[in-house]
């Protein structure tokens, strides 16, 4: 797993990436849905973590998304406005 940060215009982009099993294409549109869990997970949680993360990121003026392919890993990325970029 890796954690990366970079400036992207007037934002900071954070990426959390792994080289694991990846997420099936048909599941990708649902990963931020409330209570949704992938079929192959242990179902140990409530299915709220990514929904909460999305709410926090968006409340700070950012956006969050996922990139994945089965067998190639997953990257969760989000942006927040860069406070040093001179914005409000």
PDB file of N, CA and C in Angstrom:
ATOM      1  N   UNK A   1       0.843  -1.163   0.000  1.00  0.00           N
ATOM      2  CA  UNK A   1       0.000   0.000   0.000  1.00  0.00           C
ATOM      3  C   UNK A   1       0.892   1.230   0.000  1.00  0.00           C
ATOM      4  N   UNK A   2       0.423   2.267  -0.673  1.00  0.00           N
ATOM      5  CA  UNK A   2       1.174   3.511  -0.684  1.00  0.00           C
ATOM      6  C   UNK A   2       0.223   4.688  -0.488  1.00  0.00           C
ATOM      7  N   UNK A   3       0.786   5.748   0.030  1.00  0.00           N
ATOM      8  CA  UNK A   3       0.060   6.999   0.243  1.00  0.00           C
ATOM      9  C   UNK A   3       0.858   8.078  -0.468  1.00  0.00           C
ATOM     10  N   UNK A   4       0.190   8.828  -1.339  1.00  0.00           N
ATOM     11  CA  UNK A   4       0.861   9.865  -2.111  1.00  0.00           C
ATOM     12  C   UNK A   4       0.080  11.168  -2.008  1.00  0.00           C
ATOM     13  N   UNK A   5       0.778  12.282  -2.097  1.00  0.00           N
ATOM     14  CA  UNK A   5       0.144  13.599  -2.129  1.00  0.00           C
ATOM     15  C   UNK A   5       0.851  14.444  -3.171  1.00  0.00           C
ATOM     16  N   UNK A   6       0.068  15.271  -3.870  1.00  0.00           N
ATOM     17  CA  UNK A   6       0.653  16.170  -4.867  1.00  0.00           C
ATOM     18  C   UNK A   6      -0.271  17.366  -5.041  1.00  0.00           C
ATOM     19  N   UNK A   7       0.317  18.455  -5.495  1.00  0.00           N
ATOM     20  CA  UNK A   7      -0.488  19.626  -5.856  1.00  0.00           C
ATOM     21  C   UNK A   7      -1.084  19.391  -7.230  1.00  0.00           C
ATOM     22  N   UNK A   8      -2.352  19.729  -7.362  1.00  0.00           N
ATOM     23  CA  UNK A   8      -3.045  19.607  -8.645  1.00  0.00           C
ATOM     24  C   UNK A   8      -3.818  20.906  -8.851  1.00  0.00           C
ATOM     25  N   UNK A   9      -3.209  21.851  -9.546  1.00  0.00           N
ATOM     26  CA  UNK A   9      -3.757  23.200  -9.727  1.00  0.00           C
ATOM     27  C   UNK A   9      -3.950  23.856  -8.369  1.00  0.00           C
ATOM     28  N   UNK A  10      -5.177  24.208  -8.017  1.00  0.00           N
ATOM     29  CA  UNK A  10      -5.427  24.879  -6.734  1.00  0.00           C
ATOM     30  C   UNK A  10      -5.850  23.880  -5.652  1.00  0.00           C
ATOM     31  N   UNK A  11      -5.619  22.592  -5.905  1.00  0.00           N
ATOM     32  CA  UNK A  11      -5.997  21.539  -4.960  1.00  0.00           C
ATOM     33  C   UNK A  11      -4.781  20.740  -4.522  1.00  0.00           C
ATOM     34  N   UNK A  12      -4.976  19.980  -3.478  1.00  0.00           N
ATOM     35  CA  UNK A  12      -4.041  18.931  -3.080  1.00  0.00           C
ATOM     36  C   UNK A  12      -4.744  17.614  -3.374  1.00  0.00           C
ATOM     37  N   UNK A  13      -4.073  16.701  -4.058  1.00  0.00           N
ATOM     38  CA  UNK A  13      -4.637  15.389  -4.353  1.00  0.00           C
ATOM     39  C   UNK A  13      -3.929  14.351  -3.498  1.00  0.00           C
ATOM     40  N   UNK A  14      -4.707  13.563  -2.792  1.00  0.00           N
ATOM     41  CA  UNK A  14      -4.195  12.476  -1.960  1.00  0.00           C
ATOM     42  C   UNK A  14      -4.612  11.170  -2.620  1.00  0.00           C
ATOM     43  N   UNK A  15      -3.690  10.208  -2.681  1.00  0.00           N
ATOM     44  CA  UNK A  15      -4.000   8.903  -3.259  1.00  0.00           C
ATOM     45  C   UNK A  15      -3.565   7.806  -2.294  1.00  0.00           C
ATOM     46  N   UNK A  16      -4.456   6.861  -2.085  1.00  0.00           N
ATOM     47  CA  UNK A  16      -4.151   5.652  -1.327  1.00  0.00           C
ATOM     48  C   UNK A  16      -4.275   4.511  -2.326  1.00  0.00           C
ATOM     49  N   UNK A  17      -3.160   3.820  -2.567  1.00  0.00           N
ATOM     50  CA  UNK A  17      -3.124   2.807  -3.625  1.00  0.00           C
ATOM     51  C   UNK A  17      -2.649   1.471  -3.065  1.00  0.00           C
ATOM     52  N   UNK A  18      -3.181   0.386  -3.642  1.00  0.00           N
ATOM     53  CA  UNK A  18      -2.679  -0.939  -3.299  1.00  0.00           C
ATOM     54  C   UNK A  18      -2.505  -1.751  -4.576  1.00  0.00           C
ATOM     55  N   UNK A  19      -1.925  -2.910  -4.430  1.00  0.00           N
ATOM     56  CA  UNK A  19      -1.715  -3.803  -5.569  1.00  0.00           C
ATOM     57  C   UNK A  19      -2.485  -5.095  -5.357  1.00  0.00           C
ATOM     58  N   UNK A  20      -3.610  -5.008  -4.680  1.00  0.00           N
ATOM     59  CA  UNK A  20      -4.415  -6.178  -4.336  1.00  0.00           C
ATOM     60  C   UNK A  20      -5.280  -6.678  -5.475  1.00  0.00           C
ATOM     61  N   UNK A  21      -6.379  -7.316  -5.086  1.00  0.00           N
ATOM     62  CA  UNK A  21      -7.274  -7.982  -6.036  1.00  0.00           C
ATOM     63  C   UNK A  21      -8.020  -7.023  -6.948  1.00  0.00           C
ATOM     64  N   UNK A  22      -8.187  -5.808  -6.534  1.00  0.00           N
ATOM     65  CA  UNK A  22      -8.931  -4.853  -7.343  1.00  0.00           C
ATOM     66  C   UNK A  22     -10.425  -4.978  -7.119  1.00  0.00           C
ATOM     67  N   UNK A  23     -11.173  -4.114  -7.748  1.00  0.00           N
ATOM     68  CA  UNK A  23     -12.626  -4.064  -7.624  1.00  0.00           C
ATOM     69  C   UNK A  23     -13.226  -4.313  -8.996  1.00  0.00           C
ATOM     70  N   UNK A  24     -14.218  -5.192  -9.056  1.00  0.00           N
ATOM     71  CA  UNK A  24     -14.879  -5.491 -10.321  1.00  0.00           C
ATOM     72  C   UNK A  24     -15.548  -4.238 -10.896  1.00  0.00           C
ATOM     73  N   UNK A  25     -15.542  -4.113 -12.204  1.00  0.00           N
ATOM     74  CA  UNK A  25     -16.089  -2.929 -12.875  1.00  0.00           C
ATOM     75  C   UNK A  25     -17.542  -2.664 -12.499  1.00  0.00           C
ATOM     76  N   UNK A  26     -18.348  -3.716 -12.353  1.00  0.00           N
ATOM     77  CA  UNK A  26     -19.765  -3.498 -12.030  1.00  0.00           C
ATOM     78  C   UNK A  26     -19.960  -3.011 -10.589  1.00  0.00           C
ATOM     79  N   UNK A  27     -18.972  -3.177  -9.739  1.00  0.00           N
ATOM     80  CA  UNK A  27     -19.057  -2.715  -8.351  1.00  0.00           C
ATOM     81  C   UNK A  27     -18.594  -1.266  -8.197  1.00  0.00           C
ATOM     82  N   UNK A  28     -17.750  -0.775  -9.080  1.00  0.00           N
ATOM     83  CA  UNK A  28     -17.170   0.568  -8.946  1.00  0.00           C
ATOM     84  C   UNK A  28     -18.202   1.683  -8.751  1.00  0.00           C
ATOM     85  N   UNK A  29     -19.321   1.693  -9.481  1.00  0.00           N
ATOM     86  CA  UNK A  29     -20.276   2.790  -9.278  1.00  0.00           C
ATOM     87  C   UNK A  29     -20.928   2.795  -7.893  1.00  0.00           C
ATOM     88  N   UNK A  30     -20.771   1.716  -7.129  1.00  0.00           N
ATOM     89  CA  UNK A  30     -21.480   1.576  -5.859  1.00  0.00           C
ATOM     90  C   UNK A  30     -20.610   1.746  -4.621  1.00  0.00           C
ATOM     91  N   UNK A  31     -19.305   1.859  -4.762  1.00  0.00           N
ATOM     92  CA  UNK A  31     -18.426   1.828  -3.586  1.00  0.00           C
ATOM     93  C   UNK A  31     -18.679   2.965  -2.601  1.00  0.00           C
ATOM     94  N   UNK A  32     -19.251   4.079  -3.045  1.00  0.00           N
ATOM     95  CA  UNK A  32     -19.542   5.193  -2.139  1.00  0.00           C
ATOM     96  C   UNK A  32     -21.008   5.205  -1.687  1.00  0.00           C
ATOM     97  N   UNK A  33     -21.794   4.196  -2.090  1.00  0.00           N
ATOM     98  CA  UNK A  33     -23.199   4.108  -1.690  1.00  0.00           C
ATOM     99  C   UNK A  33     -23.316   3.696  -0.229  1.00  0.00           C
ATOM    100  N   UNK A  34     -24.266   4.302   0.462  1.00  0.00           N
ATOM    101  CA  UNK A  34     -24.519   3.975   1.864  1.00  0.00           C
ATOM    102  C   UNK A  34     -24.945   2.520   1.989  1.00  0.00           C
ATOM    103  N   UNK A  35     -24.348   1.795   2.914  1.00  0.00           N
ATOM    104  CA  UNK A  35     -24.626   0.393   3.275  1.00  0.00           C
ATOM    105  C   UNK A  35     -24.209  -0.618   2.224  1.00  0.00           C
ATOM    106  N   UNK A  36     -23.607  -0.177   1.134  1.00  0.00           N
ATOM    107  CA  UNK A  36     -23.213  -1.127   0.092  1.00  0.00           C
ATOM    108  C   UNK A  36     -21.924  -1.832   0.487  1.00  0.00           C
ATOM    109  N   UNK A  37     -21.864  -3.131   0.240  1.00  0.00           N
ATOM    110  CA  UNK A  37     -20.646  -3.904   0.458  1.00  0.00           C
ATOM    111  C   UNK A  37     -20.465  -4.860  -0.707  1.00  0.00           C
ATOM    112  N   UNK A  38     -19.217  -5.064  -1.087  1.00  0.00           N
ATOM    113  CA  UNK A  38     -18.933  -5.998  -2.172  1.00  0.00           C
ATOM    114  C   UNK A  38     -19.312  -7.409  -1.746  1.00  0.00           C
ATOM    115  N   UNK A  39     -19.717  -8.212  -2.679  1.00  0.00           N
ATOM    116  CA  UNK A  39     -20.145  -9.586  -2.372  1.00  0.00           C
ATOM    117  C   UNK A  39     -19.032 -10.423  -1.768  1.00  0.00           C
ATOM    118  N   UNK A  40     -17.795 -10.163  -2.151  1.00  0.00           N
ATOM    119  CA  UNK A  40     -16.703 -11.021  -1.687  1.00  0.00           C
ATOM    120  C   UNK A  40     -16.035 -10.525  -0.400  1.00  0.00           C
ATOM    121  N   UNK A  41     -16.600  -9.538   0.268  1.00  0.00           N
ATOM    122  CA  UNK A  41     -16.001  -9.044   1.505  1.00  0.00           C
ATOM    123  C   UNK A  41     -16.488  -9.859   2.688  1.00  0.00           C
ATOM    124  N   UNK A  42     -15.829  -9.669   3.827  1.00  0.00           N
ATOM    125  CA  UNK A  42     -16.206 -10.386   5.041  1.00  0.00           C
ATOM    126  C   UNK A  42     -17.450  -9.795   5.688  1.00  0.00           C
ATOM    127  N   UNK A  43     -17.899  -8.639   5.211  1.00  0.00           N
ATOM    128  CA  UNK A  43     -19.063  -7.943   5.744  1.00  0.00           C
ATOM    129  C   UNK A  43     -18.902  -7.618   7.229  1.00  0.00           C
ATOM    130  N   UNK A  44     -17.694  -7.277   7.612  1.00  0.00           N
ATOM    131  CA  UNK A  44     -17.405  -6.960   9.003  1.00  0.00           C
ATOM    132  C   UNK A  44     -17.887  -5.570   9.390  1.00  0.00           C
ATOM    133  N   UNK A  45     -18.036  -4.677   8.438  1.00  0.00           N
ATOM    134  CA  UNK A  45     -18.446  -3.306   8.736  1.00  0.00           C
ATOM    135  C   UNK A  45     -19.897  -3.059   8.392  1.00  0.00           C
ATOM    136  N   UNK A  46     -20.282  -1.806   8.505  1.00  0.00           N
ATOM    137  CA  UNK A  46     -21.665  -1.430   8.229  1.00  0.00           C
ATOM    138  C   UNK A  46     -21.861  -0.920   6.804  1.00  0.00           C
ATOM    139  N   UNK A  47     -20.786  -0.749   6.050  1.00  0.00           N
ATOM    140  CA  UNK A  47     -20.908  -0.218   4.700  1.00  0.00           C
ATOM    141  C   UNK A  47     -21.071   1.290   4.674  1.00  0.00           C
ATOM    142  N   UNK A  48     -20.517   1.968   5.667  1.00  0.00           N
ATOM    143  CA  UNK A  48     -20.656   3.418   5.746  1.00  0.00           C
ATOM    144  C   UNK A  48     -19.343   4.175   5.595  1.00  0.00           C
ATOM    145  N   UNK A  49     -18.216   3.524   5.709  1.00  0.00           N
ATOM    146  CA  UNK A  49     -16.921   4.206   5.733  1.00  0.00           C
ATOM    147  C   UNK A  49     -16.660   5.093   4.536  1.00  0.00           C
ATOM    148  N   UNK A  50     -16.844   4.581   3.332  1.00  0.00           N
ATOM    149  CA  UNK A  50     -16.577   5.387   2.137  1.00  0.00           C
ATOM    150  C   UNK A  50     -17.638   6.451   1.927  1.00  0.00           C
ATOM    151  N   UNK A  51     -18.868   6.189   2.371  1.00  0.00           N
ATOM    152  CA  UNK A  51     -19.918   7.209   2.311  1.00  0.00           C
ATOM    153  C   UNK A  51     -19.559   8.387   3.211  1.00  0.00           C
ATOM    154  N   UNK A  52     -19.072   8.082   4.401  1.00  0.00           N
ATOM    155  CA  UNK A  52     -18.661   9.123   5.339  1.00  0.00           C
ATOM    156  C   UNK A  52     -17.462   9.886   4.787  1.00  0.00           C
ATOM    157  N   UNK A  53     -16.483   9.160   4.245  1.00  0.00           N
ATOM    158  CA  UNK A  53     -15.308   9.816   3.659  1.00  0.00           C
ATOM    159  C   UNK A  53     -15.725  10.769   2.546  1.00  0.00           C
ATOM    160  N   UNK A  54     -16.659  10.347   1.707  1.00  0.00           N
ATOM    161  CA  UNK A  54     -17.137  11.201   0.614  1.00  0.00           C
ATOM    162  C   UNK A  54     -17.783  12.463   1.174  1.00  0.00           C
ATOM    163  N   UNK A  55     -18.589  12.321   2.202  1.00  0.00           N
ATOM    164  CA  UNK A  55     -19.236  13.480   2.810  1.00  0.00           C
ATOM    165  C   UNK A  55     -18.236  14.470   3.378  1.00  0.00           C
ATOM    166  N   UNK A  56     -17.202  13.968   4.026  1.00  0.00           N
ATOM    167  CA  UNK A  56     -16.174  14.837   4.600  1.00  0.00           C
ATOM    168  C   UNK A  56     -15.410  15.578   3.510  1.00  0.00           C
ATOM    169  N   UNK A  57     -14.982  14.836   2.492  1.00  0.00           N
ATOM    170  CA  UNK A  57     -14.225  15.448   1.390  1.00  0.00           C
ATOM    171  C   UNK A  57     -15.062  16.518   0.703  1.00  0.00           C
ATOM    172  N   UNK A  58     -16.310  16.203   0.389  1.00  0.00           N
ATOM    173  CA  UNK A  58     -17.164  17.168  -0.304  1.00  0.00           C
ATOM    174  C   UNK A  58     -17.484  18.372   0.578  1.00  0.00           C
ATOM    175  N   UNK A  59     -17.612  18.168   1.891  1.00  0.00           N
ATOM    176  CA  UNK A  59     -17.872  19.288   2.800  1.00  0.00           C
ATOM    177  C   UNK A  59     -16.707  20.268   2.834  1.00  0.00           C
ATOM    178  N   UNK A  60     -15.515  19.786   2.473  1.00  0.00           N
ATOM    179  CA  UNK A  60     -14.332  20.644   2.422  1.00  0.00           C
ATOM    180  C   UNK A  60     -14.044  21.158   1.014  1.00  0.00           C
ATOM    181  N   UNK A  61     -14.998  20.988   0.111  1.00  0.00           N
ATOM    182  CA  UNK A  61     -14.853  21.521  -1.243  1.00  0.00           C
ATOM    183  C   UNK A  61     -14.066  20.634  -2.178  1.00  0.00           C
ATOM    184  N   UNK A  62     -13.891  19.375  -1.836  1.00  0.00           N
ATOM    185  CA  UNK A  62     -13.124  18.466  -2.684  1.00  0.00           C
ATOM    186  C   UNK A  62     -14.006  17.453  -3.380  1.00  0.00           C
ATOM    187  N   UNK A  63     -13.345  16.499  -4.006  1.00  0.00           N
ATOM    188  CA  UNK A  63     -14.052  15.380  -4.631  1.00  0.00           C
ATOM    189  C   UNK A  63     -13.262  14.112  -4.383  1.00  0.00           C
ATOM    190  N   UNK A  64     -13.924  12.969  -4.473  1.00  0.00           N
ATOM    191  CA  UNK A  64     -13.299  11.678  -4.202  1.00  0.00           C
ATOM    192  C   UNK A  64     -13.733  10.701  -5.286  1.00  0.00           C
ATOM    193  N   UNK A  65     -12.830   9.803  -5.673  1.00  0.00           N
ATOM    194  CA  UNK A  65     -13.147   8.808  -6.684  1.00  0.00           C
ATOM    195  C   UNK A  65     -12.246   7.592  -6.501  1.00  0.00           C
ATOM    196  N   UNK A  66     -12.583   6.537  -7.206  1.00  0.00           N
ATOM    197  CA  UNK A  66     -11.828   5.295  -7.144  1.00  0.00           C
ATOM    198  C   UNK A  66     -11.465   4.863  -8.555  1.00  0.00           C
ATOM    199  N   UNK A  67     -10.270   4.291  -8.678  1.00  0.00           N
ATOM    200  CA  UNK A  67      -9.808   3.704  -9.936  1.00  0.00           C
ATOM    201  C   UNK A  67      -9.357   2.293  -9.612  1.00  0.00           C
ATOM    202  N   UNK A  68      -9.824   1.313 -10.384  1.00  0.00           N
ATOM    203  CA  UNK A  68      -9.459  -0.062 -10.077  1.00  0.00           C
ATOM    204  C   UNK A  68      -9.667  -0.961 -11.277  1.00  0.00           C
ATOM    205  N   UNK A  69      -8.936  -2.055 -11.264  1.00  0.00           N
ATOM    206  CA  UNK A  69      -9.112  -3.112 -12.253  1.00  0.00           C
ATOM    207  C   UNK A  69      -8.804  -4.429 -11.560  1.00  0.00           C
ATOM    208  N   UNK A  70      -9.633  -5.446 -11.758  1.00  0.00           N
ATOM    209  CA  UNK A  70      -9.381  -6.736 -11.121  1.00  0.00           C
ATOM    210  C   UNK A  70      -7.963  -7.234 -11.400  1.00  0.00           C
ATOM    211  N   UNK A  71      -7.302  -7.661 -10.340  1.00  0.00           N
ATOM    212  CA  UNK A  71      -5.949  -8.180 -10.456  1.00  0.00           C
ATOM    213  C   UNK A  71      -4.858  -7.126 -10.537  1.00  0.00           C
ATOM    214  N   UNK A  72      -5.217  -5.842 -10.543  1.00  0.00           N
ATOM    215  CA  UNK A  72      -4.220  -4.787 -10.715  1.00  0.00           C
ATOM    216  C   UNK A  72      -4.223  -3.778  -9.579  1.00  0.00           C
ATOM    217  N   UNK A  73      -5.072  -3.974  -8.578  1.00  0.00           N
ATOM    218  CA  UNK A  73      -5.083  -3.068  -7.446  1.00  0.00           C
ATOM    219  C   UNK A  73      -6.115  -1.975  -7.557  1.00  0.00           C
ATOM    220  N   UNK A  74      -6.128  -1.133  -6.537  1.00  0.00           N
ATOM    221  CA  UNK A  74      -7.123  -0.081  -6.420  1.00  0.00           C
ATOM    222  C   UNK A  74      -6.457   1.202  -5.952  1.00  0.00           C
ATOM    223  N   UNK A  75      -6.946   2.326  -6.440  1.00  0.00           N
ATOM    224  CA  UNK A  75      -6.485   3.636  -5.977  1.00  0.00           C
ATOM    225  C   UNK A  75      -7.707   4.460  -5.602  1.00  0.00           C
ATOM    226  N   UNK A  76      -7.760   4.881  -4.349  1.00  0.00           N
ATOM    227  CA  UNK A  76      -8.754   5.849  -3.907  1.00  0.00           C
ATOM    228  C   UNK A  76      -8.055   7.193  -3.914  1.00  0.00           C
ATOM    229  N   UNK A  77      -8.659   8.168  -4.582  1.00  0.00           N
ATOM    230  CA  UNK A  77      -8.076   9.497  -4.700  1.00  0.00           C
ATOM    231  C   UNK A  77      -9.092  10.539  -4.248  1.00  0.00           C
ATOM    232  N   UNK A  78      -8.582  11.588  -3.629  1.00  0.00           N
ATOM    233  CA  UNK A  78      -9.458  12.707  -3.307  1.00  0.00           C
ATOM    234  C   UNK A  78      -8.675  13.996  -3.370  1.00  0.00           C
ATOM    235  N   UNK A  79      -9.401  15.070  -3.628  1.00  0.00           N
ATOM    236  CA  UNK A  79      -8.805  16.397  -3.658  1.00  0.00           C
ATOM    237  C   UNK A  79      -9.467  17.253  -2.595  1.00  0.00           C
ATOM    238  N   UNK A  80      -8.700  18.197  -2.102  1.00  0.00           N
ATOM    239  CA  UNK A  80      -9.221  19.260  -1.249  1.00  0.00           C
ATOM    240  C   UNK A  80      -8.518  20.540  -1.699  1.00  0.00           C
ATOM    241  N   UNK A  81      -9.178  21.677  -1.540  1.00  0.00           N
ATOM    242  CA  UNK A  81      -8.528  22.924  -1.938  1.00  0.00           C
ATOM    243  C   UNK A  81      -7.219  23.129  -1.183  1.00  0.00           C
ATOM    244  N   UNK A  82      -6.200  23.568  -1.890  1.00  0.00           N
ATOM    245  CA  UNK A  82      -4.878  23.830  -1.304  1.00  0.00           C
ATOM    246  C   UNK A  82      -4.920  25.175  -0.593  1.00  0.00           C
ATOM    247  N   UNK A  83      -4.800  25.196   0.739  1.00  0.00           N
ATOM    248  CA  UNK A  83      -4.876  26.462   1.455  1.00  0.00           C
ATOM    249  C   UNK A  83      -3.731  27.419   1.107  1.00  0.00           C
ATOM    250  N   UNK A  84      -2.630  26.893   0.615  1.00  0.00           N
ATOM    251  CA  UNK A  84      -1.503  27.765   0.264  1.00  0.00           C
ATOM    252  C   UNK A  84      -1.641  28.334  -1.148  1.00  0.00           C
ATOM    253  N   UNK A  85      -2.699  27.952  -1.860  1.00  0.00           N
ATOM    254  CA  UNK A  85      -2.882  28.418  -3.243  1.00  0.00           C
ATOM    255  C   UNK A  85      -3.549  29.792  -3.303  1.00  0.00           C
ATOM    256  N   UNK A  86      -3.832  30.380  -2.137  1.00  0.00           N
ATOM    257  CA  UNK A  86      -4.390  31.724  -2.130  1.00  0.00           C
ATOM    258  C   UNK A  86      -5.888  31.786  -2.203  1.00  0.00           C
ATOM    259  N   UNK A  87      -6.567  30.631  -2.093  1.00  0.00           N
ATOM    260  CA  UNK A  87      -8.043  30.639  -2.098  1.00  0.00           C
ATOM    261  C   UNK A  87      -8.574  31.102  -0.755  1.00  0.00           C
ATOM    262  N   UNK A  88      -9.880  31.128  -0.626  1.00  0.00           N
ATOM    263  CA  UNK A  88     -10.481  31.564   0.629  1.00  0.00           C
ATOM    264  C   UNK A  88     -10.491  30.490   1.677  1.00  0.00           C
TER     265      UNK A  88
END
